[in-house]
């Protein structure tokens, strides 16, 4: 169970925890399947794209730009170098649209953050997310939630080392951290393994790369919606 009096750092994931993100990527992938319909079924296109994204992650990491580069690379490969310039332009266009997605706060987020921000005394609130710095900073600004947080920290991936560095930056130990997020793989498991605390808010849709086996833990709380975290903080 989370010890309220021991919290020094409360960290929130961004995409699909504070605002909707994955549905925009899913919509883009459907359009992509249509563009490549001459070269494979929707399932074949998605499978090939997943393979390309996975191979590119060590070099490109996560985020919109990495996604678009993988889209183009996979399209060229599936079309045997025959993809027309206008179709490449379409891919670039919806890729740019992703960089300007609305970042509208999910239901209850604004109220919860306002409540926590007003009531907190001894801990800091930060956004801790992976992806591209400029993209994530811009989404936070567009969301209107920026004033609730002391900082935004963007990393290439949420490894145990990155969580340790996060705690070091804000001068707290791992057992004084509470991480709130939708991805068990990125937001929950690394924190629990280090001895920290986590609140899991499972999202309705989850990126394929974020799937992981879930388990119970005495440092873990799971809630169905963000308003449920208030009783633990």
C-alpha atoms as a PDB file:
ATOM      1  CA  UNK A   1       0.000   0.000   0.000  1.00  0.00           C
ATOM      2  CA  UNK A   2       1.175   3.511  -0.784  1.00  0.00           C
ATOM      3  CA  UNK A   3       2.352   5.499   2.220  1.00  0.00           C
ATOM      4  CA  UNK A   4       0.985   9.005   1.677  1.00  0.00           C
ATOM      5  CA  UNK A   5       3.393  10.600   4.136  1.00  0.00           C
ATOM      6  CA  UNK A   6       6.441   9.107   2.422  1.00  0.00           C
ATOM      7  CA  UNK A   7       5.793  10.445  -1.080  1.00  0.00           C
ATOM      8  CA  UNK A   8       8.404  12.917  -2.334  1.00  0.00           C
ATOM      9  CA  UNK A   9       7.843  12.526  -6.071  1.00  0.00           C
ATOM     10  CA  UNK A  10       4.593  11.868  -7.920  1.00  0.00           C
ATOM     11  CA  UNK A  11       5.236  11.134 -11.597  1.00  0.00           C
ATOM     12  CA  UNK A  12       2.658  10.849 -14.362  1.00  0.00           C
ATOM     13  CA  UNK A  13       2.991   9.200 -17.736  1.00  0.00           C
ATOM     14  CA  UNK A  14       1.726  11.413 -20.559  1.00  0.00           C
ATOM     15  CA  UNK A  15       0.317   9.600 -23.610  1.00  0.00           C
ATOM     16  CA  UNK A  16      -2.894   7.690 -22.848  1.00  0.00           C
ATOM     17  CA  UNK A  17      -2.644   8.589 -19.169  1.00  0.00           C
ATOM     18  CA  UNK A  18      -3.144  12.362 -19.300  1.00  0.00           C
ATOM     19  CA  UNK A  19      -4.485  12.594 -22.859  1.00  0.00           C
ATOM     20  CA  UNK A  20      -5.560  10.290 -25.671  1.00  0.00           C
ATOM     21  CA  UNK A  21      -2.756   9.348 -28.039  1.00  0.00           C
ATOM     22  CA  UNK A  22      -3.023   5.765 -29.265  1.00  0.00           C
ATOM     23  CA  UNK A  23      -6.333   6.271 -31.081  1.00  0.00           C
ATOM     24  CA  UNK A  24      -4.631   8.870 -33.315  1.00  0.00           C
ATOM     25  CA  UNK A  25      -1.867   6.413 -34.176  1.00  0.00           C
ATOM     26  CA  UNK A  26      -4.432   3.670 -34.832  1.00  0.00           C
ATOM     27  CA  UNK A  27      -6.328   5.970 -37.212  1.00  0.00           C
ATOM     28  CA  UNK A  28      -3.084   6.772 -39.026  1.00  0.00           C
ATOM     29  CA  UNK A  29      -2.303   3.075 -39.343  1.00  0.00           C
ATOM     30  CA  UNK A  30      -5.717   2.405 -40.899  1.00  0.00           C
ATOM     31  CA  UNK A  31      -5.046   5.072 -43.507  1.00  0.00           C
ATOM     32  CA  UNK A  32      -1.634   3.519 -44.052  1.00  0.00           C
ATOM     33  CA  UNK A  33      -3.226   0.126 -44.644  1.00  0.00           C
ATOM     34  CA  UNK A  34      -5.383   1.727 -47.326  1.00  0.00           C
ATOM     35  CA  UNK A  35      -2.368   3.319 -49.017  1.00  0.00           C
ATOM     36  CA  UNK A  36      -0.623  -0.064 -49.170  1.00  0.00           C
ATOM     37  CA  UNK A  37      -3.708  -2.100 -50.078  1.00  0.00           C
ATOM     38  CA  UNK A  38      -2.133  -3.085 -53.421  1.00  0.00           C
ATOM     39  CA  UNK A  39       0.735  -4.757 -51.583  1.00  0.00           C
ATOM     40  CA  UNK A  40      -0.913  -6.634 -48.724  1.00  0.00           C
ATOM     41  CA  UNK A  41      -3.959  -7.128 -46.525  1.00  0.00           C
ATOM     42  CA  UNK A  42      -4.443  -4.827 -43.516  1.00  0.00           C
ATOM     43  CA  UNK A  43      -3.121  -7.580 -41.250  1.00  0.00           C
ATOM     44  CA  UNK A  44      -0.059  -8.113 -43.443  1.00  0.00           C
ATOM     45  CA  UNK A  45       0.673  -4.389 -43.578  1.00  0.00           C
ATOM     46  CA  UNK A  46       0.391  -4.050 -39.800  1.00  0.00           C
ATOM     47  CA  UNK A  47       2.563  -7.109 -39.168  1.00  0.00           C
ATOM     48  CA  UNK A  48       5.272  -5.818 -41.499  1.00  0.00           C
ATOM     49  CA  UNK A  49       5.113  -2.360 -39.918  1.00  0.00           C
ATOM     50  CA  UNK A  50       5.432  -3.819 -36.424  1.00  0.00           C
ATOM     51  CA  UNK A  51       8.511  -5.748 -37.509  1.00  0.00           C
ATOM     52  CA  UNK A  52      10.039  -2.614 -39.035  1.00  0.00           C
ATOM     53  CA  UNK A  53       9.282  -0.484 -35.957  1.00  0.00           C
ATOM     54  CA  UNK A  54      10.779  -3.109 -33.658  1.00  0.00           C
ATOM     55  CA  UNK A  55      13.967  -3.278 -35.711  1.00  0.00           C
ATOM     56  CA  UNK A  56      14.248   0.528 -35.740  1.00  0.00           C
ATOM     57  CA  UNK A  57      13.698   1.139 -32.027  1.00  0.00           C
ATOM     58  CA  UNK A  58      17.333   0.822 -30.941  1.00  0.00           C
ATOM     59  CA  UNK A  59      18.206   3.570 -33.427  1.00  0.00           C
ATOM     60  CA  UNK A  60      15.058   5.734 -33.627  1.00  0.00           C
ATOM     61  CA  UNK A  61      13.406   5.203 -30.256  1.00  0.00           C
ATOM     62  CA  UNK A  62       9.755   6.171 -29.759  1.00  0.00           C
ATOM     63  CA  UNK A  63       7.585   9.009 -31.033  1.00  0.00           C
ATOM     64  CA  UNK A  64       5.917  10.434 -34.118  1.00  0.00           C
ATOM     65  CA  UNK A  65       9.054  11.005 -36.151  1.00  0.00           C
ATOM     66  CA  UNK A  66      10.308   7.484 -35.528  1.00  0.00           C
ATOM     67  CA  UNK A  67       6.861   6.175 -36.473  1.00  0.00           C
ATOM     68  CA  UNK A  68       6.808   8.096 -39.763  1.00  0.00           C
ATOM     69  CA  UNK A  69      10.300   6.935 -40.730  1.00  0.00           C
ATOM     70  CA  UNK A  70       9.225   3.346 -40.098  1.00  0.00           C
ATOM     71  CA  UNK A  71       6.055   3.889 -42.128  1.00  0.00           C
ATOM     72  CA  UNK A  72       8.051   5.096 -45.121  1.00  0.00           C
ATOM     73  CA  UNK A  73      10.730   2.407 -44.837  1.00  0.00           C
ATOM     74  CA  UNK A  74       8.119  -0.330 -44.586  1.00  0.00           C
ATOM     75  CA  UNK A  75       6.087   1.102 -47.481  1.00  0.00           C
ATOM     76  CA  UNK A  76       9.124   1.196 -49.762  1.00  0.00           C
ATOM     77  CA  UNK A  77       9.976  -2.376 -48.786  1.00  0.00           C
ATOM     78  CA  UNK A  78       6.457  -3.770 -49.238  1.00  0.00           C
ATOM     79  CA  UNK A  79       6.072  -2.053 -52.617  1.00  0.00           C
ATOM     80  CA  UNK A  80       9.495  -3.271 -53.821  1.00  0.00           C
ATOM     81  CA  UNK A  81      10.578   0.354 -54.320  1.00  0.00           C
ATOM     82  CA  UNK A  82       7.504   1.097 -56.440  1.00  0.00           C
ATOM     83  CA  UNK A  83       5.558   3.349 -54.057  1.00  0.00           C
ATOM     84  CA  UNK A  84       4.517   6.522 -55.854  1.00  0.00           C
ATOM     85  CA  UNK A  85       5.565   9.970 -54.687  1.00  0.00           C
ATOM     86  CA  UNK A  86       1.971  11.008 -53.995  1.00  0.00           C
ATOM     87  CA  UNK A  87       1.508   8.070 -51.604  1.00  0.00           C
ATOM     88  CA  UNK A  88       4.723   8.929 -49.796  1.00  0.00           C
ATOM     89  CA  UNK A  89       3.406  12.490 -49.518  1.00  0.00           C
ATOM     90  CA  UNK A  90       0.178  11.169 -47.955  1.00  0.00           C
ATOM     91  CA  UNK A  91       2.187   9.284 -45.362  1.00  0.00           C
ATOM     92  CA  UNK A  92       4.173  12.418 -44.537  1.00  0.00           C
ATOM     93  CA  UNK A  93       0.970  14.450 -44.259  1.00  0.00           C
ATOM     94  CA  UNK A  94      -0.711  12.285 -41.646  1.00  0.00           C
ATOM     95  CA  UNK A  95       2.628  11.987 -39.898  1.00  0.00           C
ATOM     96  CA  UNK A  96       2.681  15.770 -39.508  1.00  0.00           C
ATOM     97  CA  UNK A  97      -0.921  15.614 -38.311  1.00  0.00           C
ATOM     98  CA  UNK A  98       0.229  13.344 -35.487  1.00  0.00           C
ATOM     99  CA  UNK A  99       2.687  16.036 -34.406  1.00  0.00           C
ATOM    100  CA  UNK A 100      -0.287  18.352 -33.966  1.00  0.00           C
ATOM    101  CA  UNK A 101      -2.756  15.974 -32.327  1.00  0.00           C
ATOM    102  CA  UNK A 102      -5.118  17.780 -29.907  1.00  0.00           C
ATOM    103  CA  UNK A 103      -3.727  16.361 -26.618  1.00  0.00           C
ATOM    104  CA  UNK A 104      -7.136  16.880 -25.030  1.00  0.00           C
ATOM    105  CA  UNK A 105      -7.023  15.787 -21.365  1.00  0.00           C
ATOM    106  CA  UNK A 106      -8.857  12.545 -20.670  1.00  0.00           C
ATOM    107  CA  UNK A 107     -11.992  12.681 -18.540  1.00  0.00           C
ATOM    108  CA  UNK A 108     -11.247  13.569 -14.943  1.00  0.00           C
ATOM    109  CA  UNK A 109      -7.580  14.459 -15.476  1.00  0.00           C
ATOM    110  CA  UNK A 110      -7.928  18.219 -15.021  1.00  0.00           C
ATOM    111  CA  UNK A 111      -9.954  17.844 -11.824  1.00  0.00           C
ATOM    112  CA  UNK A 112      -7.569  15.291 -10.323  1.00  0.00           C
ATOM    113  CA  UNK A 113      -4.459  17.338 -11.091  1.00  0.00           C
ATOM    114  CA  UNK A 114      -6.080  20.483  -9.732  1.00  0.00           C
ATOM    115  CA  UNK A 115      -7.019  18.682  -6.513  1.00  0.00           C
ATOM    116  CA  UNK A 116      -3.563  17.202  -6.061  1.00  0.00           C
ATOM    117  CA  UNK A 117      -1.802  20.454  -6.907  1.00  0.00           C
ATOM    118  CA  UNK A 118      -3.831  22.367  -4.329  1.00  0.00           C
ATOM    119  CA  UNK A 119      -3.456  19.799  -1.562  1.00  0.00           C
ATOM    120  CA  UNK A 120       0.161  18.700  -1.887  1.00  0.00           C
ATOM    121  CA  UNK A 121       2.787  19.972   0.503  1.00  0.00           C
ATOM    122  CA  UNK A 122       5.869  17.808   0.582  1.00  0.00           C
ATOM    123  CA  UNK A 123       6.169  16.249  -2.851  1.00  0.00           C
ATOM    124  CA  UNK A 124       6.791  17.369  -6.419  1.00  0.00           C
ATOM    125  CA  UNK A 125       4.611  16.495  -9.411  1.00  0.00           C
ATOM    126  CA  UNK A 126       6.257  15.775 -12.758  1.00  0.00           C
ATOM    127  CA  UNK A 127       5.439  14.344 -16.158  1.00  0.00           C
ATOM    128  CA  UNK A 128       7.758  11.422 -16.875  1.00  0.00           C
ATOM    129  CA  UNK A 129       7.320  10.150 -20.397  1.00  0.00           C
ATOM    130  CA  UNK A 130       9.219   8.628 -23.275  1.00  0.00           C
ATOM    131  CA  UNK A 131       9.391   9.905 -26.829  1.00  0.00           C
ATOM    132  CA  UNK A 132      10.772  13.058 -28.421  1.00  0.00           C
ATOM    133  CA  UNK A 133      11.404  16.102 -26.269  1.00  0.00           C
ATOM    134  CA  UNK A 134       9.873  18.784 -28.507  1.00  0.00           C
ATOM    135  CA  UNK A 135       6.845  16.670 -29.385  1.00  0.00           C
ATOM    136  CA  UNK A 136       6.048  15.834 -25.755  1.00  0.00           C
ATOM    137  CA  UNK A 137       6.664  19.388 -24.561  1.00  0.00           C
ATOM    138  CA  UNK A 138       4.301  20.702 -27.232  1.00  0.00           C
ATOM    139  CA  UNK A 139       1.604  18.185 -26.314  1.00  0.00           C
ATOM    140  CA  UNK A 140       1.838  19.198 -22.674  1.00  0.00           C
ATOM    141  CA  UNK A 141       1.424  22.858 -23.669  1.00  0.00           C
ATOM    142  CA  UNK A 142      -1.536  22.064 -25.924  1.00  0.00           C
ATOM    143  CA  UNK A 143      -3.163  20.031 -23.153  1.00  0.00           C
ATOM    144  CA  UNK A 144      -3.371  23.056 -20.844  1.00  0.00           C
ATOM    145  CA  UNK A 145      -1.979  20.949 -17.968  1.00  0.00           C
ATOM    146  CA  UNK A 146       1.511  22.447 -17.852  1.00  0.00           C
ATOM    147  CA  UNK A 147       0.898  24.624 -14.785  1.00  0.00           C
ATOM    148  CA  UNK A 148       0.143  21.601 -12.583  1.00  0.00           C
ATOM    149  CA  UNK A 149       3.654  20.185 -12.915  1.00  0.00           C
ATOM    150  CA  UNK A 150       7.070  21.141 -11.617  1.00  0.00           C
ATOM    151  CA  UNK A 151       8.807  19.665 -14.659  1.00  0.00           C
ATOM    152  CA  UNK A 152       8.508  17.401 -17.665  1.00  0.00           C
ATOM    153  CA  UNK A 153      11.161  14.720 -18.099  1.00  0.00           C
ATOM    154  CA  UNK A 154      11.352  12.992 -21.484  1.00  0.00           C
ATOM    155  CA  UNK A 155      13.478   9.880 -21.987  1.00  0.00           C
ATOM    156  CA  UNK A 156      14.133   7.541 -24.893  1.00  0.00           C
ATOM    157  CA  UNK A 157      12.801   4.599 -22.874  1.00  0.00           C
ATOM    158  CA  UNK A 158      11.607   3.988 -19.316  1.00  0.00           C
ATOM    159  CA  UNK A 159      14.258   1.625 -18.044  1.00  0.00           C
ATOM    160  CA  UNK A 160      15.153   1.003 -14.412  1.00  0.00           C
ATOM    161  CA  UNK A 161      18.206   3.209 -14.912  1.00  0.00           C
ATOM    162  CA  UNK A 162      16.000   6.092 -16.076  1.00  0.00           C
ATOM    163  CA  UNK A 163      13.786   5.745 -12.994  1.00  0.00           C
ATOM    164  CA  UNK A 164      16.876   5.812 -10.804  1.00  0.00           C
ATOM    165  CA  UNK A 165      18.074   8.950 -12.598  1.00  0.00           C
ATOM    166  CA  UNK A 166      14.636  10.524 -12.156  1.00  0.00           C
ATOM    167  CA  UNK A 167      14.792   9.986  -8.405  1.00  0.00           C
ATOM    168  CA  UNK A 168      18.351  11.306  -8.262  1.00  0.00           C
ATOM    169  CA  UNK A 169      17.319  14.452 -10.139  1.00  0.00           C
ATOM    170  CA  UNK A 170      14.578  15.191  -7.618  1.00  0.00           C
ATOM    171  CA  UNK A 171      16.568  14.099  -4.578  1.00  0.00           C
ATOM    172  CA  UNK A 172      14.413  11.211  -3.453  1.00  0.00           C
ATOM    173  CA  UNK A 173      14.814   7.484  -3.014  1.00  0.00           C
ATOM    174  CA  UNK A 174      12.940   4.992  -5.165  1.00  0.00           C
ATOM    175  CA  UNK A 175      10.610   4.083  -2.285  1.00  0.00           C
ATOM    176  CA  UNK A 176       9.541   7.746  -2.147  1.00  0.00           C
ATOM    177  CA  UNK A 177       8.378   7.666  -5.775  1.00  0.00           C
ATOM    178  CA  UNK A 178       4.830   6.974  -6.973  1.00  0.00           C
ATOM    179  CA  UNK A 179       4.472   6.460 -10.722  1.00  0.00           C
ATOM    180  CA  UNK A 180       1.054   6.773 -12.377  1.00  0.00           C
ATOM    181  CA  UNK A 181       0.541   5.346 -15.853  1.00  0.00           C
ATOM    182  CA  UNK A 182      -1.371   3.166 -18.278  1.00  0.00           C
ATOM    183  CA  UNK A 183       1.419   0.867 -19.469  1.00  0.00           C
ATOM    184  CA  UNK A 184       2.370  -1.979 -17.147  1.00  0.00           C
ATOM    185  CA  UNK A 185       5.530  -2.581 -19.159  1.00  0.00           C
ATOM    186  CA  UNK A 186       6.851   1.006 -19.044  1.00  0.00           C
ATOM    187  CA  UNK A 187       5.147   2.699 -16.099  1.00  0.00           C
ATOM    188  CA  UNK A 188       4.640  -0.054 -13.556  1.00  0.00           C
ATOM    189  CA  UNK A 189       6.988  -3.048 -13.734  1.00  0.00           C
ATOM    190  CA  UNK A 190      10.323  -1.153 -13.671  1.00  0.00           C
ATOM    191  CA  UNK A 191       9.217   0.850 -10.613  1.00  0.00           C
ATOM    192  CA  UNK A 192       7.995  -2.192  -8.693  1.00  0.00           C
ATOM    193  CA  UNK A 193      11.185  -4.089  -9.488  1.00  0.00           C
ATOM    194  CA  UNK A 194      13.216  -1.257  -7.956  1.00  0.00           C
ATOM    195  CA  UNK A 195      11.054  -1.056  -4.825  1.00  0.00           C
ATOM    196  CA  UNK A 196       8.971   1.984  -5.726  1.00  0.00           C
ATOM    197  CA  UNK A 197       5.204   2.446  -5.781  1.00  0.00           C
ATOM    198  CA  UNK A 198       2.901   2.566  -8.779  1.00  0.00           C
ATOM    199  CA  UNK A 199      -0.706   3.254  -9.718  1.00  0.00           C
ATOM    200  CA  UNK A 200      -1.880   1.489 -12.848  1.00  0.00           C
ATOM    201  CA  UNK A 201      -4.736   2.961 -14.911  1.00  0.00           C
ATOM    202  CA  UNK A 202      -5.210   0.450 -17.753  1.00  0.00           C
ATOM    203  CA  UNK A 203      -6.193   2.100 -21.030  1.00  0.00           C
ATOM    204  CA  UNK A 204      -8.848   0.750 -23.368  1.00  0.00           C
ATOM    205  CA  UNK A 205      -6.368   0.514 -26.224  1.00  0.00           C
ATOM    206  CA  UNK A 206      -2.660  -0.192 -25.849  1.00  0.00           C
ATOM    207  CA  UNK A 207       0.177  -0.010 -28.338  1.00  0.00           C
ATOM    208  CA  UNK A 208       1.349  -3.482 -29.299  1.00  0.00           C
ATOM    209  CA  UNK A 209       4.880  -2.774 -28.072  1.00  0.00           C
ATOM    210  CA  UNK A 210       3.567  -2.014 -24.581  1.00  0.00           C
ATOM    211  CA  UNK A 211       1.894  -5.372 -23.940  1.00  0.00           C
ATOM    212  CA  UNK A 212       3.287  -7.195 -20.904  1.00  0.00           C
ATOM    213  CA  UNK A 213       2.227  -9.754 -18.331  1.00  0.00           C
ATOM    214  CA  UNK A 214       0.575  -8.052 -15.367  1.00  0.00           C
ATOM    215  CA  UNK A 215       0.744  -9.166 -11.751  1.00  0.00           C
ATOM    216  CA  UNK A 216      -0.294  -8.119  -8.275  1.00  0.00           C
ATOM    217  CA  UNK A 217       2.167  -6.462  -5.898  1.00  0.00           C
ATOM    218  CA  UNK A 218       1.948  -4.904  -2.456  1.00  0.00           C
ATOM    219  CA  UNK A 219       3.374  -1.645  -3.869  1.00  0.00           C
ATOM    220  CA  UNK A 220       0.795  -1.556  -6.666  1.00  0.00           C
ATOM    221  CA  UNK A 221      -2.703  -0.107  -6.885  1.00  0.00           C
ATOM    222  CA  UNK A 222      -4.909  -0.509  -9.959  1.00  0.00           C
ATOM    223  CA  UNK A 223      -7.813   1.836 -10.646  1.00  0.00           C
ATOM    224  CA  UNK A 224     -10.231   1.949 -13.553  1.00  0.00           C
ATOM    225  CA  UNK A 225     -10.108   5.723 -14.007  1.00  0.00           C
ATOM    226  CA  UNK A 226      -7.842   8.533 -12.885  1.00  0.00           C
ATOM    227  CA  UNK A 227     -10.252   9.881 -10.283  1.00  0.00           C
ATOM    228  CA  UNK A 228      -9.605   6.677  -8.332  1.00  0.00           C
ATOM    229  CA  UNK A 229      -6.033   7.698  -7.508  1.00  0.00           C
ATOM    230  CA  UNK A 230      -7.145  10.430  -5.087  1.00  0.00           C
ATOM    231  CA  UNK A 231      -7.989   7.977  -2.319  1.00  0.00           C
ATOM    232  CA  UNK A 232      -4.383   6.740  -2.339  1.00  0.00           C
ATOM    233  CA  UNK A 233      -2.532  10.072  -2.477  1.00  0.00           C
END
